[in-house]
Amino acid sequence: MDLLAALGNPADSDQVRAVAAALAGIERDLHDAIQDHYEALGADPPADRGAPEERIAQLQRLVEHHVEGDLWGYFVAEQAPAGFENAEDARNYADIEASAWERRRAELAETVDDEEASERERADRAVRRRFGVDIETFEEHVVGYSPERTLRRALRGPVDTDIERLRVATRALERRDE
């Protein structure tokens, strides 16, 4: 039996749950304040978020995937674009260097028989057929995948969204004052 199995799932620990609950509470308070701010400005407030329990569970899943060394699995479950398919096959394209992607993209293009289409158009068709998303989405989310970005989005995503909403409201106020 390995050490991790003997310790159980750390994501289920009281300590992880407490930290996740604290973070979810902070995010909820910030979001509530942003909604109040929008209402005070006479603007439609941003949509409400899910229950804090949903966020706590999401953060526990993040810890579980991180401890298991499987942030790719977290990305697929929580952050992958709509329509994304064949995640395990796509993993071979994740976080590769530009030159390697150029070679792999050319190989994908060779699987599509259309002499009039450009290499990129053919690769796009192959990516859509194989992975369920267009090539731009695939490049951004899969080829551009990084464990660090996955962690950052998982931990900061709700806060970053609300910070951007606050900036939008501030710009609206500034324009109103001009």
N, C-alpha and C. Protein backbone atom coordinates (compact mmCIF):
# COMPACT_ATOMS: atom_id res chain seq x y z
N MET A 1 0.85 -1.17 0.00
CA MET A 1 0.00 0.00 0.00
C MET A 1 0.90 1.23 0.00
N ASP A 2 0.60 2.18 -0.89
CA ASP A 2 1.45 3.37 -0.92
C ASP A 2 0.99 4.38 0.14
N LEU A 3 1.82 5.37 0.37
CA LEU A 3 1.58 6.33 1.43
C LEU A 3 0.28 7.10 1.21
N LEU A 4 0.04 7.55 -0.03
CA LEU A 4 -1.19 8.31 -0.29
C LEU A 4 -2.43 7.48 -0.02
N ALA A 5 -2.41 6.23 -0.41
CA ALA A 5 -3.56 5.37 -0.16
C ALA A 5 -3.76 5.18 1.35
N ALA A 6 -2.65 5.07 2.09
CA ALA A 6 -2.75 4.89 3.53
C ALA A 6 -3.31 6.13 4.22
N LEU A 7 -3.00 7.29 3.69
CA LEU A 7 -3.47 8.54 4.29
C LEU A 7 -4.90 8.87 3.91
N GLY A 8 -5.40 8.25 2.87
CA GLY A 8 -6.74 8.58 2.39
C GLY A 8 -6.69 9.79 1.47
N ASN A 9 -7.83 10.24 1.08
CA ASN A 9 -7.91 11.37 0.15
C ASN A 9 -7.76 12.68 0.93
N PRO A 10 -6.65 13.40 0.74
CA PRO A 10 -6.46 14.65 1.48
C PRO A 10 -7.53 15.69 1.16
N ALA A 11 -8.15 15.60 0.00
CA ALA A 11 -9.19 16.56 -0.36
C ALA A 11 -10.40 16.44 0.56
N ASP A 12 -10.56 15.29 1.18
CA ASP A 12 -11.68 15.08 2.11
C ASP A 12 -11.35 15.47 3.54
N SER A 13 -10.16 15.97 3.78
CA SER A 13 -9.76 16.30 5.16
C SER A 13 -10.49 17.54 5.65
N ASP A 14 -10.61 17.62 6.95
CA ASP A 14 -11.25 18.78 7.58
C ASP A 14 -10.47 20.06 7.29
N GLN A 15 -9.14 19.95 7.22
CA GLN A 15 -8.32 21.12 6.98
C GLN A 15 -8.55 21.68 5.57
N VAL A 16 -8.57 20.80 4.58
CA VAL A 16 -8.81 21.26 3.21
C VAL A 16 -10.21 21.83 3.09
N ARG A 17 -11.17 21.17 3.69
CA ARG A 17 -12.55 21.69 3.65
C ARG A 17 -12.64 23.07 4.31
N ALA A 18 -11.94 23.27 5.42
CA ALA A 18 -11.97 24.56 6.11
C ALA A 18 -11.38 25.67 5.24
N VAL A 19 -10.25 25.38 4.61
CA VAL A 19 -9.63 26.38 3.73
C VAL A 19 -10.53 26.65 2.52
N ALA A 20 -11.09 25.60 1.94
CA ALA A 20 -11.99 25.77 0.79
C ALA A 20 -13.22 26.58 1.19
N ALA A 21 -13.76 26.33 2.38
CA ALA A 21 -14.93 27.07 2.85
C ALA A 21 -14.58 28.54 3.08
N ALA A 22 -13.40 28.80 3.61
CA ALA A 22 -12.97 30.19 3.81
C ALA A 22 -12.84 30.92 2.48
N LEU A 23 -12.20 30.28 1.52
CA LEU A 23 -12.05 30.90 0.20
C LEU A 23 -13.40 31.11 -0.47
N ALA A 24 -14.28 30.13 -0.41
CA ALA A 24 -15.61 30.26 -0.99
C ALA A 24 -16.38 31.40 -0.31
N GLY A 25 -16.20 31.55 0.98
CA GLY A 25 -16.86 32.65 1.70
C GLY A 25 -16.34 34.01 1.26
N ILE A 26 -15.04 34.12 1.10
CA ILE A 26 -14.44 35.37 0.63
C ILE A 26 -14.97 35.71 -0.77
N GLU A 27 -14.99 34.71 -1.63
CA GLU A 27 -15.50 34.92 -3.00
C GLU A 27 -16.96 35.35 -2.97
N ARG A 28 -17.76 34.72 -2.12
CA ARG A 28 -19.18 35.05 -2.01
C ARG A 28 -19.35 36.49 -1.53
N ASP A 29 -18.59 36.89 -0.52
CA ASP A 29 -18.67 38.26 0.00
C ASP A 29 -18.31 39.27 -1.08
N LEU A 30 -17.24 39.01 -1.82
CA LEU A 30 -16.83 39.91 -2.90
C LEU A 30 -17.93 40.00 -3.96
N HIS A 31 -18.46 38.86 -4.34
CA HIS A 31 -19.50 38.84 -5.37
C HIS A 31 -20.75 39.60 -4.90
N ASP A 32 -21.14 39.40 -3.66
CA ASP A 32 -22.28 40.14 -3.11
C ASP A 32 -22.03 41.65 -3.14
N ALA A 33 -20.81 42.06 -2.80
CA ALA A 33 -20.47 43.48 -2.82
C ALA A 33 -20.51 44.03 -4.26
N ILE A 34 -20.05 43.24 -5.21
CA ILE A 34 -20.10 43.67 -6.62
C ILE A 34 -21.55 43.82 -7.06
N GLN A 35 -22.40 42.87 -6.69
CA GLN A 35 -23.83 42.97 -7.04
C GLN A 35 -24.44 44.22 -6.42
N ASP A 36 -24.14 44.52 -5.17
CA ASP A 36 -24.65 45.73 -4.52
C ASP A 36 -24.15 46.98 -5.23
N HIS A 37 -22.89 46.96 -5.64
CA HIS A 37 -22.29 48.10 -6.34
C HIS A 37 -23.02 48.34 -7.67
N TYR A 38 -23.27 47.30 -8.42
CA TYR A 38 -23.98 47.43 -9.70
C TYR A 38 -25.39 47.98 -9.47
N GLU A 39 -26.07 47.47 -8.46
CA GLU A 39 -27.43 47.95 -8.16
C GLU A 39 -27.41 49.41 -7.77
N ALA A 40 -26.42 49.84 -6.99
CA ALA A 40 -26.30 51.24 -6.59
C ALA A 40 -26.05 52.14 -7.80
N LEU A 41 -25.41 51.60 -8.80
CA LEU A 41 -25.15 52.37 -10.03
C LEU A 41 -26.35 52.37 -10.97
N GLY A 42 -27.35 51.57 -10.64
CA GLY A 42 -28.52 51.47 -11.50
C GLY A 42 -28.30 50.54 -12.68
N ALA A 43 -27.33 49.67 -12.55
CA ALA A 43 -27.02 48.70 -13.61
C ALA A 43 -27.51 47.32 -13.19
N ASP A 44 -27.74 46.49 -14.18
CA ASP A 44 -28.12 45.11 -13.88
C ASP A 44 -26.95 44.41 -13.20
N PRO A 45 -27.19 43.86 -12.03
CA PRO A 45 -26.09 43.17 -11.33
C PRO A 45 -25.72 41.88 -12.05
N PRO A 46 -24.47 41.46 -11.88
CA PRO A 46 -24.06 40.18 -12.48
C PRO A 46 -24.87 39.03 -11.90
N ALA A 47 -24.97 37.98 -12.66
CA ALA A 47 -25.73 36.81 -12.23
C ALA A 47 -25.17 36.26 -10.93
N ASP A 48 -26.05 35.68 -10.16
CA ASP A 48 -25.64 35.06 -8.91
C ASP A 48 -24.79 33.84 -9.20
N ARG A 49 -23.93 33.50 -8.27
CA ARG A 49 -23.09 32.31 -8.40
C ARG A 49 -23.79 31.13 -7.77
N GLY A 50 -23.23 29.97 -8.03
CA GLY A 50 -23.74 28.76 -7.39
C GLY A 50 -23.54 28.84 -5.88
N ALA A 51 -24.11 27.88 -5.21
CA ALA A 51 -24.00 27.82 -3.75
C ALA A 51 -22.54 27.63 -3.33
N PRO A 52 -22.16 28.19 -2.19
CA PRO A 52 -20.79 28.01 -1.71
C PRO A 52 -20.39 26.53 -1.63
N GLU A 53 -21.33 25.64 -1.32
CA GLU A 53 -21.01 24.21 -1.25
C GLU A 53 -20.49 23.69 -2.58
N GLU A 54 -21.00 24.22 -3.69
CA GLU A 54 -20.51 23.81 -5.02
C GLU A 54 -19.06 24.23 -5.19
N ARG A 55 -18.73 25.44 -4.76
CA ARG A 55 -17.36 25.93 -4.88
C ARG A 55 -16.42 25.14 -3.96
N ILE A 56 -16.89 24.84 -2.76
CA ILE A 56 -16.08 24.04 -1.83
C ILE A 56 -15.77 22.68 -2.46
N ALA A 57 -16.78 22.04 -3.04
CA ALA A 57 -16.56 20.74 -3.68
C ALA A 57 -15.59 20.87 -4.85
N GLN A 58 -15.71 21.96 -5.61
CA GLN A 58 -14.80 22.18 -6.74
C GLN A 58 -13.36 22.32 -6.24
N LEU A 59 -13.17 23.08 -5.18
CA LEU A 59 -11.82 23.25 -4.63
C LEU A 59 -11.28 21.94 -4.06
N GLN A 60 -12.14 21.13 -3.47
CA GLN A 60 -11.70 19.82 -2.99
C GLN A 60 -11.27 18.94 -4.17
N ARG A 61 -12.00 19.01 -5.27
CA ARG A 61 -11.59 18.24 -6.46
C ARG A 61 -10.25 18.74 -6.98
N LEU A 62 -10.03 20.04 -6.92
CA LEU A 62 -8.74 20.60 -7.34
C LEU A 62 -7.62 20.01 -6.50
N VAL A 63 -7.79 20.00 -5.20
CA VAL A 63 -6.77 19.44 -4.30
C VAL A 63 -6.53 17.97 -4.63
N GLU A 64 -7.61 17.23 -4.81
CA GLU A 64 -7.48 15.80 -5.13
C GLU A 64 -6.67 15.59 -6.41
N HIS A 65 -7.02 16.32 -7.47
CA HIS A 65 -6.29 16.19 -8.74
C HIS A 65 -4.83 16.63 -8.59
N HIS A 66 -4.62 17.70 -7.84
CA HIS A 66 -3.26 18.21 -7.67
C HIS A 66 -2.39 17.21 -6.91
N VAL A 67 -2.92 16.65 -5.84
CA VAL A 67 -2.17 15.65 -5.06
C VAL A 67 -1.86 14.42 -5.91
N GLU A 68 -2.80 14.04 -6.76
CA GLU A 68 -2.60 12.90 -7.64
C GLU A 68 -1.72 13.22 -8.84
N GLY A 69 -1.30 14.47 -8.98
CA GLY A 69 -0.48 14.87 -10.12
C GLY A 69 -1.26 14.86 -11.42
N ASP A 70 -2.56 15.14 -11.34
CA ASP A 70 -3.42 15.06 -12.51
C ASP A 70 -4.21 16.35 -12.73
N LEU A 71 -3.50 17.46 -12.87
CA LEU A 71 -4.20 18.71 -13.14
C LEU A 71 -4.84 18.69 -14.53
N TRP A 72 -4.32 17.86 -15.43
CA TRP A 72 -4.98 17.69 -16.72
C TRP A 72 -6.41 17.18 -16.51
N GLY A 73 -6.57 16.22 -15.64
CA GLY A 73 -7.89 15.68 -15.34
C GLY A 73 -8.82 16.74 -14.78
N TYR A 74 -8.28 17.63 -13.94
CA TYR A 74 -9.09 18.73 -13.42
C TYR A 74 -9.48 19.67 -14.55
N PHE A 75 -8.52 20.01 -15.40
CA PHE A 75 -8.80 20.87 -16.55
C PHE A 75 -9.94 20.28 -17.39
N VAL A 76 -9.85 19.00 -17.68
CA VAL A 76 -10.88 18.35 -18.51
C VAL A 76 -12.24 18.40 -17.83
N ALA A 77 -12.27 18.12 -16.54
CA ALA A 77 -13.55 18.08 -15.81
C ALA A 77 -14.14 19.45 -15.56
N GLU A 78 -13.31 20.45 -15.34
CA GLU A 78 -13.81 21.75 -14.86
C GLU A 78 -13.60 22.92 -15.81
N GLN A 79 -12.59 22.86 -16.69
CA GLN A 79 -12.24 24.06 -17.45
C GLN A 79 -12.24 23.87 -18.96
N ALA A 80 -12.36 22.67 -19.43
CA ALA A 80 -12.28 22.42 -20.87
C ALA A 80 -13.43 23.13 -21.60
N PRO A 81 -13.19 23.55 -22.83
CA PRO A 81 -14.23 24.23 -23.59
C PRO A 81 -15.40 23.29 -23.92
N ALA A 82 -16.57 23.88 -24.10
CA ALA A 82 -17.76 23.10 -24.46
C ALA A 82 -17.50 22.33 -25.75
N GLY A 83 -17.95 21.10 -25.78
CA GLY A 83 -17.80 20.27 -26.97
C GLY A 83 -16.50 19.48 -27.04
N PHE A 84 -15.57 19.76 -26.14
CA PHE A 84 -14.26 19.09 -26.16
C PHE A 84 -14.43 17.60 -25.94
N GLU A 85 -13.77 16.81 -26.80
CA GLU A 85 -13.87 15.35 -26.76
C GLU A 85 -12.47 14.73 -26.80
N ASN A 86 -12.42 13.45 -26.49
CA ASN A 86 -11.19 12.66 -26.58
C ASN A 86 -10.02 13.28 -25.80
N ALA A 87 -10.30 13.56 -24.56
CA ALA A 87 -9.33 14.25 -23.72
C ALA A 87 -8.01 13.50 -23.58
N GLU A 88 -8.08 12.20 -23.45
CA GLU A 88 -6.83 11.44 -23.28
C GLU A 88 -5.96 11.51 -24.54
N ASP A 89 -6.58 11.47 -25.70
CA ASP A 89 -5.84 11.63 -26.95
C ASP A 89 -5.30 13.05 -27.06
N ALA A 90 -6.10 14.02 -26.67
CA ALA A 90 -5.69 15.43 -26.75
C ALA A 90 -4.53 15.73 -25.81
N ARG A 91 -4.43 14.96 -24.75
CA ARG A 91 -3.36 15.20 -23.77
C ARG A 91 -1.98 15.16 -24.44
N ASN A 92 -1.86 14.40 -25.53
CA ASN A 92 -0.58 14.32 -26.25
C ASN A 92 -0.21 15.64 -26.92
N TYR A 93 -1.16 16.55 -27.03
CA TYR A 93 -0.92 17.85 -27.65
C TYR A 93 -0.77 18.95 -26.61
N ALA A 94 -1.01 18.63 -25.36
CA ALA A 94 -1.04 19.64 -24.31
C ALA A 94 0.35 20.14 -23.97
N ASP A 95 0.45 21.47 -23.89
CA ASP A 95 1.67 22.11 -23.39
C ASP A 95 2.91 21.73 -24.21
N ILE A 96 2.74 21.65 -25.55
CA ILE A 96 3.89 21.35 -26.39
C ILE A 96 4.46 22.65 -26.97
N GLU A 97 5.69 22.61 -27.35
CA GLU A 97 6.35 23.79 -27.90
C GLU A 97 5.81 24.11 -29.28
N ALA A 98 6.00 25.36 -29.70
CA ALA A 98 5.44 25.84 -30.97
C ALA A 98 5.91 25.00 -32.16
N SER A 99 7.18 24.65 -32.20
CA SER A 99 7.70 23.88 -33.34
C SER A 99 7.09 22.47 -33.37
N ALA A 100 6.91 21.89 -32.20
CA ALA A 100 6.28 20.56 -32.14
C ALA A 100 4.83 20.66 -32.58
N TRP A 101 4.13 21.72 -32.18
CA TRP A 101 2.74 21.90 -32.60
C TRP A 101 2.66 22.09 -34.11
N GLU A 102 3.58 22.82 -34.69
CA GLU A 102 3.57 23.01 -36.15
C GLU A 102 3.67 21.66 -36.86
N ARG A 103 4.55 20.80 -36.39
CA ARG A 103 4.68 19.46 -37.00
C ARG A 103 3.41 18.63 -36.79
N ARG A 104 2.88 18.66 -35.59
CA ARG A 104 1.68 17.88 -35.30
C ARG A 104 0.47 18.41 -36.08
N ARG A 105 0.39 19.73 -36.22
CA ARG A 105 -0.70 20.33 -37.00
C ARG A 105 -0.61 19.91 -38.46
N ALA A 106 0.59 19.86 -39.00
CA ALA A 106 0.77 19.41 -40.38
C ALA A 106 0.36 17.95 -40.53
N GLU A 107 0.69 17.13 -39.53
CA GLU A 107 0.27 15.72 -39.55
C GLU A 107 -1.25 15.60 -39.51
N LEU A 108 -1.89 16.41 -38.70
CA LEU A 108 -3.36 16.40 -38.66
C LEU A 108 -3.93 16.81 -40.02
N ALA A 109 -3.34 17.82 -40.63
CA ALA A 109 -3.83 18.29 -41.94
C ALA A 109 -3.73 17.20 -42.99
N GLU A 110 -2.72 16.37 -42.90
CA GLU A 110 -2.53 15.29 -43.88
C GLU A 110 -3.65 14.26 -43.82
N THR A 111 -4.40 14.23 -42.73
CA THR A 111 -5.49 13.25 -42.61
C THR A 111 -6.75 13.70 -43.33
N VAL A 112 -6.76 14.92 -43.84
CA VAL A 112 -7.93 15.47 -44.55
C VAL A 112 -7.59 15.60 -46.02
N ASP A 113 -8.40 15.00 -46.85
CA ASP A 113 -8.17 15.02 -48.29
C ASP A 113 -8.96 16.17 -48.93
N ASP A 114 -8.28 17.29 -49.11
CA ASP A 114 -8.89 18.45 -49.77
C ASP A 114 -7.75 19.32 -50.27
N GLU A 115 -7.38 19.15 -51.51
CA GLU A 115 -6.22 19.83 -52.07
C GLU A 115 -6.41 21.34 -52.17
N GLU A 116 -7.66 21.81 -52.21
CA GLU A 116 -7.91 23.24 -52.35
C GLU A 116 -7.84 23.98 -51.02
N ALA A 117 -7.98 23.28 -49.92
CA ALA A 117 -7.94 23.91 -48.60
C ALA A 117 -6.49 24.10 -48.16
N SER A 118 -6.27 25.14 -47.39
CA SER A 118 -4.94 25.37 -46.83
C SER A 118 -4.63 24.31 -45.77
N GLU A 119 -3.38 24.23 -45.40
CA GLU A 119 -2.99 23.27 -44.36
C GLU A 119 -3.75 23.56 -43.06
N ARG A 120 -3.87 24.81 -42.70
CA ARG A 120 -4.56 25.17 -41.46
C ARG A 120 -6.05 24.80 -41.54
N GLU A 121 -6.68 25.02 -42.69
CA GLU A 121 -8.09 24.65 -42.85
C GLU A 121 -8.28 23.14 -42.72
N ARG A 122 -7.36 22.39 -43.32
CA ARG A 122 -7.44 20.94 -43.21
C ARG A 122 -7.21 20.48 -41.76
N ALA A 123 -6.24 21.10 -41.10
CA ALA A 123 -5.98 20.77 -39.70
C ALA A 123 -7.18 21.12 -38.84
N ASP A 124 -7.84 22.22 -39.15
CA ASP A 124 -9.04 22.61 -38.41
C ASP A 124 -10.11 21.54 -38.55
N ARG A 125 -10.32 21.04 -39.74
CA ARG A 125 -11.32 19.98 -39.94
C ARG A 125 -10.96 18.73 -39.15
N ALA A 126 -9.67 18.39 -39.18
CA ALA A 126 -9.23 17.20 -38.44
C ALA A 126 -9.43 17.38 -36.94
N VAL A 127 -9.10 18.55 -36.43
CA VAL A 127 -9.27 18.83 -35.00
C VAL A 127 -10.74 18.79 -34.61
N ARG A 128 -11.58 19.41 -35.43
CA ARG A 128 -13.03 19.40 -35.14
C ARG A 128 -13.55 17.97 -35.10
N ARG A 129 -13.15 17.18 -36.08
CA ARG A 129 -13.62 15.80 -36.17
C ARG A 129 -13.11 14.96 -34.99
N ARG A 130 -11.89 15.18 -34.61
CA ARG A 130 -11.26 14.34 -33.60
C ARG A 130 -11.51 14.81 -32.17
N PHE A 131 -11.57 16.16 -31.98
CA PHE A 131 -11.63 16.69 -30.62
C PHE A 131 -12.88 17.53 -30.33
N GLY A 132 -13.69 17.78 -31.35
CA GLY A 132 -14.97 18.44 -31.12
C GLY A 132 -14.92 19.95 -30.97
N VAL A 133 -13.76 20.57 -31.19
CA VAL A 133 -13.63 22.03 -31.11
C VAL A 133 -12.83 22.52 -32.30
N ASP A 134 -12.95 23.82 -32.60
CA ASP A 134 -12.19 24.38 -33.71
C ASP A 134 -10.71 24.51 -33.34
N ILE A 135 -9.90 24.74 -34.33
CA ILE A 135 -8.45 24.74 -34.10
C ILE A 135 -8.00 25.88 -33.20
N GLU A 136 -8.65 27.05 -33.30
CA GLU A 136 -8.27 28.16 -32.43
C GLU A 136 -8.52 27.81 -30.96
N THR A 137 -9.67 27.23 -30.69
CA THR A 137 -10.00 26.81 -29.33
C THR A 137 -9.03 25.74 -28.86
N PHE A 138 -8.72 24.79 -29.73
CA PHE A 138 -7.79 23.72 -29.39
C PHE A 138 -6.41 24.29 -29.07
N GLU A 139 -5.96 25.23 -29.89
CA GLU A 139 -4.64 25.82 -29.64
C GLU A 139 -4.62 26.59 -28.32
N GLU A 140 -5.66 27.34 -28.07
CA GLU A 140 -5.70 28.14 -26.84
C GLU A 140 -5.77 27.26 -25.59
N HIS A 141 -6.65 26.28 -25.60
CA HIS A 141 -6.92 25.53 -24.38
C HIS A 141 -6.09 24.26 -24.23
N VAL A 142 -5.77 23.60 -25.32
CA VAL A 142 -5.04 22.34 -25.22
C VAL A 142 -3.55 22.54 -25.49
N VAL A 143 -3.21 23.05 -26.67
CA VAL A 143 -1.79 23.28 -26.97
C VAL A 143 -1.22 24.28 -25.96
N GLY A 144 -2.02 25.28 -25.59
CA GLY A 144 -1.59 26.29 -24.63
C GLY A 144 -1.81 25.90 -23.18
N TYR A 145 -2.25 24.66 -22.95
CA TYR A 145 -2.48 24.18 -21.58
C TYR A 145 -1.20 24.27 -20.76
N SER A 146 -1.37 24.64 -19.50
CA SER A 146 -0.27 24.50 -18.54
C SER A 146 -0.87 24.23 -17.17
N PRO A 147 -0.21 23.41 -16.38
CA PRO A 147 -0.71 23.14 -15.03
C PRO A 147 -0.82 24.43 -14.20
N GLU A 148 0.12 25.33 -14.40
CA GLU A 148 0.11 26.58 -13.65
C GLU A 148 -1.14 27.40 -13.98
N ARG A 149 -1.47 27.49 -15.27
CA ARG A 149 -2.66 28.25 -15.67
C ARG A 149 -3.93 27.58 -15.13
N THR A 150 -3.95 26.26 -15.15
CA THR A 150 -5.10 25.54 -14.60
C THR A 150 -5.28 25.86 -13.12
N LEU A 151 -4.20 25.84 -12.36
CA LEU A 151 -4.26 26.19 -10.94
C LEU A 151 -4.71 27.64 -10.74
N ARG A 152 -4.12 28.54 -11.52
CA ARG A 152 -4.45 29.96 -11.38
C ARG A 152 -5.93 30.19 -11.66
N ARG A 153 -6.44 29.62 -12.74
CA ARG A 153 -7.86 29.79 -13.06
C ARG A 153 -8.76 29.16 -12.01
N ALA A 154 -8.34 28.02 -11.50
CA ALA A 154 -9.16 27.33 -10.50
C ALA A 154 -9.21 28.13 -9.20
N LEU A 155 -8.09 28.69 -8.80
CA LEU A 155 -8.04 29.40 -7.53
C LEU A 155 -8.50 30.86 -7.64
N ARG A 156 -8.17 31.51 -8.75
CA ARG A 156 -8.45 32.94 -8.88
C ARG A 156 -9.65 33.27 -9.76
N GLY A 157 -10.15 32.31 -10.48
CA GLY A 157 -11.18 32.59 -11.48
C GLY A 157 -12.33 33.44 -10.99
N PRO A 158 -13.04 33.05 -9.94
CA PRO A 158 -14.17 33.87 -9.48
C PRO A 158 -13.75 35.27 -9.02
N VAL A 159 -12.62 35.37 -8.34
CA VAL A 159 -12.15 36.68 -7.89
C VAL A 159 -11.75 37.54 -9.08
N ASP A 160 -11.02 36.97 -10.04
CA ASP A 160 -10.63 37.73 -11.22
C ASP A 160 -11.85 38.22 -12.00
N THR A 161 -12.89 37.39 -12.08
CA THR A 161 -14.12 37.79 -12.77
C THR A 161 -14.74 38.99 -12.08
N ASP A 162 -14.80 38.96 -10.76
CA ASP A 162 -15.39 40.08 -10.03
C ASP A 162 -14.52 41.33 -10.07
N ILE A 163 -13.22 41.16 -10.07
CA ILE A 163 -12.32 42.32 -10.21
C ILE A 163 -12.57 42.99 -11.56
N GLU A 164 -12.70 42.19 -12.61
CA GLU A 164 -12.98 42.76 -13.94
C GLU A 164 -14.33 43.46 -13.95
N ARG A 165 -15.32 42.90 -13.29
CA ARG A 165 -16.64 43.56 -13.20
C ARG A 165 -16.52 44.90 -12.48
N LEU A 166 -15.72 44.96 -11.45
CA LEU A 166 -15.51 46.21 -10.74
C LEU A 166 -14.83 47.24 -11.65
N ARG A 167 -13.87 46.80 -12.43
CA ARG A 167 -13.20 47.70 -13.37
C ARG A 167 -14.17 48.23 -14.42
N VAL A 168 -15.05 47.37 -14.90
CA VAL A 168 -16.07 47.79 -15.88
C VAL A 168 -16.98 48.85 -15.26
N ALA A 169 -17.41 48.63 -14.05
CA ALA A 169 -18.27 49.60 -13.36
C ALA A 169 -17.54 50.91 -13.14
N THR A 170 -16.26 50.84 -12.80
CA THR A 170 -15.46 52.05 -12.58
C THR A 170 -15.34 52.84 -13.88
N ARG A 171 -15.07 52.16 -14.99
CA ARG A 171 -14.98 52.86 -16.29
C ARG A 171 -16.32 53.51 -16.64
N ALA A 172 -17.42 52.83 -16.33
CA ALA A 172 -18.74 53.40 -16.60
C ALA A 172 -18.95 54.67 -15.78
N LEU A 173 -18.52 54.65 -14.54
CA LEU A 173 -18.63 55.86 -13.70
C LEU A 173 -17.76 56.98 -14.23
N GLU A 174 -16.56 56.64 -14.65
CA GLU A 174 -15.67 57.65 -15.20
C GLU A 174 -16.23 58.29 -16.45
N ARG A 175 -16.85 57.49 -17.31
CA ARG A 175 -17.48 58.03 -18.52
C ARG A 175 -18.67 58.90 -18.17
N ARG A 176 -19.40 58.51 -17.14
CA ARG A 176 -20.57 59.27 -16.69
C ARG A 176 -20.15 60.65 -16.20
N ASP A 177 -18.98 60.73 -15.57
CA ASP A 177 -18.49 62.00 -15.01
C ASP A 177 -17.89 62.91 -16.06
N GLU A 178 -17.62 62.40 -17.25
CA GLU A 178 -16.99 63.22 -18.29
C GLU A 178 -17.98 64.17 -18.91
